[in-house]
Each structure stands twice: as C-alpha cells, then as structure tokens.
C-alpha cells in the first residue's frame, strides 16, 4: 500500500506527464506577446555572469551543516528554488523592468537575491505576513512562493489585485503541487481582470493586459 507521500508523488508525476503531452513550445504559440516572451525570456538558457555569484551562494547554503533539519530533511535543500526556475524569475524581472517588486514567502533568499540583481533600482518588498501588502502603493511584479492552500493563494491574489496594473506580472509557484493549488489556479485564470496566463507546470504566470482577449497557454519548460 502506498503511503500518503508516495501517493502524492505518484499523482504529481502523472500531472507532469499530462502537462508534457499537452503543451507547446514557442513555435506552437499564436500570440505575438507570448511568442516574444517565450523566445527572449523563457527559453533563454544562455549563461550570465550574475548566475555564477548567486549559485555560489546556493552552494554554500547547501553545504552548510548548520542548516535546520526538519523530519530528516535539510530545510535548505528543500526550500531553495531550483536553479533554472530561479533564473527564469530573474529573466522575467529583467524583461519587465518592474519598479515595485513583492516576494511573498522568501524562505532562504536565493530567489530574492536573483530579483535584487535583476532590478537593482526597484523597491523590493519581501514579506511573510499579508498585512504589509496594504502598505504597497502599487505592484508591478509579484512572486507568490510556497503557499500550498487554495484559500491563502486566493487571499494573496485578491489582496494584491487592486495594486496591480496592466503591465504587472503575478507569478504563482508550484501550480500543480496539489488539488488545492490547481483549484486556486483555475479560479485565478477565470478572473475577469486576468487576460493572459502561461502554465509552465512549475510556475504560473498571470498578466492583466488591457484590450487583449483572454487566452491561456501551456508551455514546455
């Protein structure tokens, strides 16, 4: 009999396989906006000097024996965003040049470091509690990291929504992690202010571009 963790892992792997079988690359995308984003940002796997600095920081954290251990697992090894995803978030920030950036759930700070390098002149707001969202005047780039419950995801989204604009990007982490997150993702996609979403399996990108027909994309990554 499967344990609850084995069952969750099995369902996650099946979801990933389904995603791979039903996604396009940039050449199967008919939206000029999404094609450009995919071509110039999502699939830009070229090396960048800034990566070396932050990856050295990641290596130090992973090799640090003093990291907190929870249920037999290193908190650092399980909390730090995978390299290619953190670097994608970096590229998205560079591409969009946001002025006000919010990270909800910063954990050990690797993604925060990437965002700080991506937009050094931006106001970078890192929070663990929602009350600070009300203090931001406007939000151009939001990264919601590691929230695994539908209610909390929708709460964060709705709290941020009045401060977002037509050029904003709202990123949700791990959108296929469990049924709760998938349900929240579906509701956000259907929100009337949302016009474009991109499902990369590991991340969900949400745009609010005015005058654009609502479209949902699934891309390989």
C-alpha atoms as a PDB file:
ATOM      1  CA  UNK A   1       0.000   0.000   0.000  1.00  0.00           C
ATOM      2  CA  UNK A   2       1.258   3.475  -0.899  1.00  0.00           C
ATOM      3  CA  UNK A   3       1.998   5.913   1.898  1.00  0.00           C
ATOM      4  CA  UNK A   4       0.319   9.306   1.639  1.00  0.00           C
ATOM      5  CA  UNK A   5       3.609  10.830   0.446  1.00  0.00           C
ATOM      6  CA  UNK A   6       4.107   8.145  -2.217  1.00  0.00           C
ATOM      7  CA  UNK A   7       0.526   8.640  -3.428  1.00  0.00           C
ATOM      8  CA  UNK A   8       1.039  12.413  -3.660  1.00  0.00           C
ATOM      9  CA  UNK A   9       4.293  11.906  -5.569  1.00  0.00           C
ATOM     10  CA  UNK A  10       2.602   9.482  -7.980  1.00  0.00           C
ATOM     11  CA  UNK A  11      -0.230  11.951  -8.702  1.00  0.00           C
ATOM     12  CA  UNK A  12       2.281  14.760  -9.173  1.00  0.00           C
ATOM     13  CA  UNK A  13       4.285  12.695 -11.676  1.00  0.00           C
ATOM     14  CA  UNK A  14       1.121  11.825 -13.602  1.00  0.00           C
ATOM     15  CA  UNK A  15       0.183  15.521 -13.693  1.00  0.00           C
ATOM     16  CA  UNK A  16       3.650  16.361 -15.036  1.00  0.00           C
ATOM     17  CA  UNK A  17       3.363  13.707 -17.758  1.00  0.00           C
ATOM     18  CA  UNK A  18      -0.049  15.051 -18.812  1.00  0.00           C
ATOM     19  CA  UNK A  19       1.381  18.554 -18.926  1.00  0.00           C
ATOM     20  CA  UNK A  20       4.277  17.461 -21.141  1.00  0.00           C
ATOM     21  CA  UNK A  21       1.885  15.751 -23.555  1.00  0.00           C
ATOM     22  CA  UNK A  22      -0.426  18.750 -23.909  1.00  0.00           C
ATOM     23  CA  UNK A  23       1.979  21.691 -24.079  1.00  0.00           C
ATOM     24  CA  UNK A  24       3.541  23.679 -26.912  1.00  0.00           C
ATOM     25  CA  UNK A  25       6.892  25.324 -27.376  1.00  0.00           C
ATOM     26  CA  UNK A  26       7.107  28.896 -28.663  1.00  0.00           C
ATOM     27  CA  UNK A  27       6.553  27.773 -32.271  1.00  0.00           C
ATOM     28  CA  UNK A  28       3.083  26.492 -31.382  1.00  0.00           C
ATOM     29  CA  UNK A  29       2.112  29.824 -29.834  1.00  0.00           C
ATOM     30  CA  UNK A  30      -0.001  32.196 -31.932  1.00  0.00           C
ATOM     31  CA  UNK A  31       0.128  35.174 -29.571  1.00  0.00           C
ATOM     32  CA  UNK A  32       2.879  37.669 -30.565  1.00  0.00           C
ATOM     33  CA  UNK A  33       3.216  38.736 -26.917  1.00  0.00           C
ATOM     34  CA  UNK A  34       3.645  35.174 -25.611  1.00  0.00           C
ATOM     35  CA  UNK A  35       5.880  34.133 -28.519  1.00  0.00           C
ATOM     36  CA  UNK A  36       8.235  37.062 -27.827  1.00  0.00           C
ATOM     37  CA  UNK A  37       8.224  36.301 -24.111  1.00  0.00           C
ATOM     38  CA  UNK A  38       8.982  32.631 -24.748  1.00  0.00           C
ATOM     39  CA  UNK A  39      11.666  33.327 -27.337  1.00  0.00           C
ATOM     40  CA  UNK A  40      13.504  36.092 -25.481  1.00  0.00           C
ATOM     41  CA  UNK A  41      12.954  35.107 -21.853  1.00  0.00           C
ATOM     42  CA  UNK A  42      11.545  31.675 -21.075  1.00  0.00           C
ATOM     43  CA  UNK A  43      13.851  29.798 -23.468  1.00  0.00           C
ATOM     44  CA  UNK A  44      16.914  31.962 -22.974  1.00  0.00           C
ATOM     45  CA  UNK A  45      19.255  29.389 -21.452  1.00  0.00           C
ATOM     46  CA  UNK A  46      22.446  31.339 -22.137  1.00  0.00           C
ATOM     47  CA  UNK A  47      24.876  31.717 -19.248  1.00  0.00           C
ATOM     48  CA  UNK A  48      25.069  35.038 -17.432  1.00  0.00           C
ATOM     49  CA  UNK A  49      27.768  36.259 -15.105  1.00  0.00           C
ATOM     50  CA  UNK A  50      25.292  37.136 -12.354  1.00  0.00           C
ATOM     51  CA  UNK A  51      24.293  33.469 -12.186  1.00  0.00           C
ATOM     52  CA  UNK A  52      27.777  32.495 -11.005  1.00  0.00           C
ATOM     53  CA  UNK A  53      27.653  34.784  -7.973  1.00  0.00           C
ATOM     54  CA  UNK A  54      24.259  33.625  -6.742  1.00  0.00           C
ATOM     55  CA  UNK A  55      24.880  29.959  -7.484  1.00  0.00           C
ATOM     56  CA  UNK A  56      27.999  30.189  -5.322  1.00  0.00           C
ATOM     57  CA  UNK A  57      25.701  31.429  -2.557  1.00  0.00           C
ATOM     58  CA  UNK A  58      23.356  28.481  -3.194  1.00  0.00           C
ATOM     59  CA  UNK A  59      26.258  26.021  -2.995  1.00  0.00           C
ATOM     60  CA  UNK A  60      27.345  27.491   0.317  1.00  0.00           C
ATOM     61  CA  UNK A  61      23.838  27.094   1.755  1.00  0.00           C
ATOM     62  CA  UNK A  62      23.514  23.517   0.541  1.00  0.00           C
ATOM     63  CA  UNK A  63      26.886  22.584   2.017  1.00  0.00           C
ATOM     64  CA  UNK A  64      26.254  24.278   5.345  1.00  0.00           C
ATOM     65  CA  UNK A  65      25.891  21.581   8.012  1.00  0.00           C
ATOM     66  CA  UNK A  66      24.183  24.069  10.324  1.00  0.00           C
ATOM     67  CA  UNK A  67      21.037  24.208   8.155  1.00  0.00           C
ATOM     68  CA  UNK A  68      17.848  23.347  10.008  1.00  0.00           C
ATOM     69  CA  UNK A  69      16.752  19.738   9.610  1.00  0.00           C
ATOM     70  CA  UNK A  70      13.021  19.022   9.614  1.00  0.00           C
ATOM     71  CA  UNK A  71      11.668  15.446   9.513  1.00  0.00           C
ATOM     72  CA  UNK A  72      15.077  14.221   8.443  1.00  0.00           C
ATOM     73  CA  UNK A  73      15.427  16.618   5.501  1.00  0.00           C
ATOM     74  CA  UNK A  74      17.609  19.695   5.155  1.00  0.00           C
ATOM     75  CA  UNK A  75      15.475  22.819   5.077  1.00  0.00           C
ATOM     76  CA  UNK A  76      17.920  24.439   2.663  1.00  0.00           C
ATOM     77  CA  UNK A  77      17.844  21.573   0.186  1.00  0.00           C
ATOM     78  CA  UNK A  78      14.048  21.509   0.182  1.00  0.00           C
ATOM     79  CA  UNK A  79      13.372  25.246   0.322  1.00  0.00           C
ATOM     80  CA  UNK A  80      15.775  26.770  -2.194  1.00  0.00           C
ATOM     81  CA  UNK A  81      14.187  27.316  -5.602  1.00  0.00           C
ATOM     82  CA  UNK A  82      15.655  25.093  -8.310  1.00  0.00           C
ATOM     83  CA  UNK A  83      18.348  26.834 -10.328  1.00  0.00           C
ATOM     84  CA  UNK A  84      16.568  27.028 -13.667  1.00  0.00           C
ATOM     85  CA  UNK A  85      13.337  28.335 -12.071  1.00  0.00           C
ATOM     86  CA  UNK A  86      15.099  30.992 -10.006  1.00  0.00           C
ATOM     87  CA  UNK A  87      16.981  32.064 -13.132  1.00  0.00           C
ATOM     88  CA  UNK A  88      13.747  32.226 -15.126  1.00  0.00           C
ATOM     89  CA  UNK A  89      12.251  34.519 -12.470  1.00  0.00           C
ATOM     90  CA  UNK A  90      15.406  36.643 -12.786  1.00  0.00           C
ATOM     91  CA  UNK A  91      14.975  36.882 -16.573  1.00  0.00           C
ATOM     92  CA  UNK A  92      11.286  37.749 -16.250  1.00  0.00           C
ATOM     93  CA  UNK A  93      12.158  40.588 -13.882  1.00  0.00           C
ATOM     94  CA  UNK A  94      14.867  41.907 -16.215  1.00  0.00           C
ATOM     95  CA  UNK A  95      12.459  41.754 -19.156  1.00  0.00           C
ATOM     96  CA  UNK A  96       9.614  43.585 -17.410  1.00  0.00           C
ATOM     97  CA  UNK A  97      11.768  46.127 -15.528  1.00  0.00           C
ATOM     98  CA  UNK A  98       9.366  46.467 -12.576  1.00  0.00           C
ATOM     99  CA  UNK A  99       9.512  49.392 -10.170  1.00  0.00           C
ATOM    100  CA  UNK A 100       7.732  47.753  -7.220  1.00  0.00           C
ATOM    101  CA  UNK A 101       8.512  44.072  -6.617  1.00  0.00           C
ATOM    102  CA  UNK A 102       6.899  41.942  -3.926  1.00  0.00           C
ATOM    103  CA  UNK A 103       8.024  38.473  -2.840  1.00  0.00           C
ATOM    104  CA  UNK A 104       5.599  36.603  -0.602  1.00  0.00           C
ATOM    105  CA  UNK A 105       7.327  33.762   1.253  1.00  0.00           C
ATOM    106  CA  UNK A 106      11.030  34.478   0.759  1.00  0.00           C
ATOM    107  CA  UNK A 107      12.359  31.435   2.651  1.00  0.00           C
ATOM    108  CA  UNK A 108      16.156  31.244   2.299  1.00  0.00           C
ATOM    109  CA  UNK A 109      16.591  34.139  -0.106  1.00  0.00           C
ATOM    110  CA  UNK A 110      18.095  32.695  -3.315  1.00  0.00           C
ATOM    111  CA  UNK A 111      15.192  33.914  -5.465  1.00  0.00           C
ATOM    112  CA  UNK A 112      15.252  37.222  -3.579  1.00  0.00           C
ATOM    113  CA  UNK A 113      18.939  37.555  -4.472  1.00  0.00           C
ATOM    114  CA  UNK A 114      18.157  36.921  -8.133  1.00  0.00           C
ATOM    115  CA  UNK A 115      15.388  39.541  -8.103  1.00  0.00           C
ATOM    116  CA  UNK A 116      17.606  42.083  -6.360  1.00  0.00           C
ATOM    117  CA  UNK A 117      20.194  41.629  -9.130  1.00  0.00           C
ATOM    118  CA  UNK A 118      17.541  41.704 -11.866  1.00  0.00           C
ATOM    119  CA  UNK A 119      16.112  45.079 -10.876  1.00  0.00           C
ATOM    120  CA  UNK A 120      18.557  46.871  -8.545  1.00  0.00           C
ATOM    121  CA  UNK A 121      16.638  50.173  -8.703  1.00  0.00           C
ATOM    122  CA  UNK A 122      13.286  48.619  -7.828  1.00  0.00           C
ATOM    123  CA  UNK A 123      11.542  48.765  -4.467  1.00  0.00           C
ATOM    124  CA  UNK A 124      11.901  45.180  -3.272  1.00  0.00           C
ATOM    125  CA  UNK A 125       9.317  44.171  -0.655  1.00  0.00           C
ATOM    126  CA  UNK A 126       9.804  40.771   0.999  1.00  0.00           C
ATOM    127  CA  UNK A 127       7.024  39.586   3.272  1.00  0.00           C
ATOM    128  CA  UNK A 128       5.878  36.549   5.201  1.00  0.00           C
ATOM    129  CA  UNK A 129       2.636  38.102   6.502  1.00  0.00           C
ATOM    130  CA  UNK A 130      -0.161  39.622   4.363  1.00  0.00           C
ATOM    131  CA  UNK A 131      -0.651  42.800   6.375  1.00  0.00           C
ATOM    132  CA  UNK A 132       2.218  44.525   4.568  1.00  0.00           C
ATOM    133  CA  UNK A 133       0.515  44.141   1.198  1.00  0.00           C
ATOM    134  CA  UNK A 134      -1.759  47.033   2.105  1.00  0.00           C
ATOM    135  CA  UNK A 135       1.289  49.255   2.576  1.00  0.00           C
ATOM    136  CA  UNK A 136       2.427  48.962  -1.055  1.00  0.00           C
ATOM    137  CA  UNK A 137       1.175  51.769  -3.313  1.00  0.00           C
ATOM    138  CA  UNK A 138       1.380  49.720  -6.495  1.00  0.00           C
ATOM    139  CA  UNK A 139       2.773  46.350  -7.555  1.00  0.00           C
ATOM    140  CA  UNK A 140       4.456  45.628 -10.872  1.00  0.00           C
ATOM    141  CA  UNK A 141       5.874  42.186 -10.144  1.00  0.00           C
ATOM    142  CA  UNK A 142       4.659  39.714  -7.510  1.00  0.00           C
ATOM    143  CA  UNK A 143       6.109  36.294  -6.770  1.00  0.00           C
ATOM    144  CA  UNK A 144       3.971  34.093  -4.527  1.00  0.00           C
ATOM    145  CA  UNK A 145       6.240  31.357  -3.239  1.00  0.00           C
ATOM    146  CA  UNK A 146       5.374  28.146  -1.391  1.00  0.00           C
ATOM    147  CA  UNK A 147       1.723  28.658  -0.488  1.00  0.00           C
ATOM    148  CA  UNK A 148       0.003  25.268  -0.718  1.00  0.00           C
ATOM    149  CA  UNK A 149      -3.576  26.103   0.278  1.00  0.00           C
ATOM    150  CA  UNK A 150      -6.287  27.441  -2.014  1.00  0.00           C
ATOM    151  CA  UNK A 151      -7.618  29.949   0.488  1.00  0.00           C
ATOM    152  CA  UNK A 152      -4.240  31.558   1.162  1.00  0.00           C
ATOM    153  CA  UNK A 153      -3.370  31.749  -2.569  1.00  0.00           C
ATOM    154  CA  UNK A 154      -6.675  33.414  -3.416  1.00  0.00           C
ATOM    155  CA  UNK A 155      -6.357  35.744  -0.424  1.00  0.00           C
ATOM    156  CA  UNK A 156      -2.900  36.895  -1.524  1.00  0.00           C
ATOM    157  CA  UNK A 157      -4.094  37.322  -5.107  1.00  0.00           C
ATOM    158  CA  UNK A 158      -7.146  39.351  -4.084  1.00  0.00           C
ATOM    159  CA  UNK A 159      -5.122  41.486  -1.665  1.00  0.00           C
ATOM    160  CA  UNK A 160      -2.647  42.309  -4.413  1.00  0.00           C
ATOM    161  CA  UNK A 161      -5.197  42.780  -7.199  1.00  0.00           C
ATOM    162  CA  UNK A 162      -6.146  46.444  -6.519  1.00  0.00           C
ATOM    163  CA  UNK A 163      -2.467  47.377  -6.670  1.00  0.00           C
ATOM    164  CA  UNK A 164      -1.698  45.576  -9.944  1.00  0.00           C
ATOM    165  CA  UNK A 165      -1.780  47.281 -13.342  1.00  0.00           C
ATOM    166  CA  UNK A 166      -1.968  46.256 -16.990  1.00  0.00           C
ATOM    167  CA  UNK A 167       1.813  45.784 -17.121  1.00  0.00           C
ATOM    168  CA  UNK A 168       2.050  43.747 -13.905  1.00  0.00           C
ATOM    169  CA  UNK A 169       3.118  40.135 -13.668  1.00  0.00           C
ATOM    170  CA  UNK A 170       1.855  37.882 -10.872  1.00  0.00           C
ATOM    171  CA  UNK A 171       3.791  34.592 -10.520  1.00  0.00           C
ATOM    172  CA  UNK A 172       2.455  31.608  -8.583  1.00  0.00           C
ATOM    173  CA  UNK A 173       4.824  28.865  -7.515  1.00  0.00           C
ATOM    174  CA  UNK A 174       4.121  25.121  -7.896  1.00  0.00           C
ATOM    175  CA  UNK A 175       0.679  25.435  -9.506  1.00  0.00           C
ATOM    176  CA  UNK A 176       0.306  21.656  -9.905  1.00  0.00           C
ATOM    177  CA  UNK A 177       1.593  20.655  -6.462  1.00  0.00           C
ATOM    178  CA  UNK A 178      -1.810  19.570  -5.140  1.00  0.00           C
ATOM    179  CA  UNK A 179      -5.533  19.796  -5.875  1.00  0.00           C
ATOM    180  CA  UNK A 180      -5.916  22.891  -3.679  1.00  0.00           C
ATOM    181  CA  UNK A 181      -3.370  24.851  -5.709  1.00  0.00           C
ATOM    182  CA  UNK A 182      -4.773  23.612  -9.021  1.00  0.00           C
ATOM    183  CA  UNK A 183      -8.231  24.769  -7.960  1.00  0.00           C
ATOM    184  CA  UNK A 184      -6.867  28.196  -6.976  1.00  0.00           C
ATOM    185  CA  UNK A 185      -5.016  28.416 -10.309  1.00  0.00           C
ATOM    186  CA  UNK A 186      -8.249  27.645 -12.202  1.00  0.00           C
ATOM    187  CA  UNK A 187     -10.121  30.398 -10.331  1.00  0.00           C
ATOM    188  CA  UNK A 188      -7.379  32.935 -10.978  1.00  0.00           C
ATOM    189  CA  UNK A 189      -7.347  32.077 -14.692  1.00  0.00           C
ATOM    190  CA  UNK A 190     -11.076  32.778 -14.855  1.00  0.00           C
ATOM    191  CA  UNK A 191     -10.886  36.102 -13.005  1.00  0.00           C
ATOM    192  CA  UNK A 192     -12.288  38.881 -15.229  1.00  0.00           C
ATOM    193  CA  UNK A 193      -9.210  41.085 -14.776  1.00  0.00           C
ATOM    194  CA  UNK A 194      -6.851  38.315 -15.912  1.00  0.00           C
ATOM    195  CA  UNK A 195      -6.210  38.320 -19.656  1.00  0.00           C
ATOM    196  CA  UNK A 196      -3.205  36.051 -20.249  1.00  0.00           C
ATOM    197  CA  UNK A 197      -1.889  33.105 -18.245  1.00  0.00           C
ATOM    198  CA  UNK A 198       1.075  30.860 -19.003  1.00  0.00           C
ATOM    199  CA  UNK A 199       1.264  27.456 -17.373  1.00  0.00           C
ATOM    200  CA  UNK A 200       4.896  26.292 -17.146  1.00  0.00           C
ATOM    201  CA  UNK A 201       3.894  23.498 -14.735  1.00  0.00           C
ATOM    202  CA  UNK A 202       6.403  24.631 -12.100  1.00  0.00           C
ATOM    203  CA  UNK A 203       5.233  28.233 -12.294  1.00  0.00           C
ATOM    204  CA  UNK A 204       2.074  30.043 -13.376  1.00  0.00           C
ATOM    205  CA  UNK A 205       2.413  33.473 -14.985  1.00  0.00           C
ATOM    206  CA  UNK A 206      -0.563  35.833 -14.788  1.00  0.00           C
ATOM    207  CA  UNK A 207      -0.952  39.013 -16.863  1.00  0.00           C
ATOM    208  CA  UNK A 208      -3.574  41.774 -16.832  1.00  0.00           C
ATOM    209  CA  UNK A 209      -3.045  43.388 -20.242  1.00  0.00           C
ATOM    210  CA  UNK A 210      -5.969  45.635 -21.185  1.00  0.00           C
ATOM    211  CA  UNK A 211      -7.529  45.333 -24.619  1.00  0.00           C
ATOM    212  CA  UNK A 212      -6.296  41.773 -25.098  1.00  0.00           C
ATOM    213  CA  UNK A 213      -8.603  38.786 -25.474  1.00  0.00           C
ATOM    214  CA  UNK A 214      -8.397  36.267 -22.642  1.00  0.00           C
ATOM    215  CA  UNK A 215      -6.005  33.439 -23.557  1.00  0.00           C
ATOM    216  CA  UNK A 216      -4.418  30.609 -21.592  1.00  0.00           C
ATOM    217  CA  UNK A 217      -1.171  28.958 -22.676  1.00  0.00           C
ATOM    218  CA  UNK A 218       0.725  25.870 -21.600  1.00  0.00           C
ATOM    219  CA  UNK A 219       4.410  25.842 -22.498  1.00  0.00           C
ATOM    220  CA  UNK A 220       7.131  23.266 -22.066  1.00  0.00           C
ATOM    221  CA  UNK A 221       9.852  24.252 -19.644  1.00  0.00           C
END
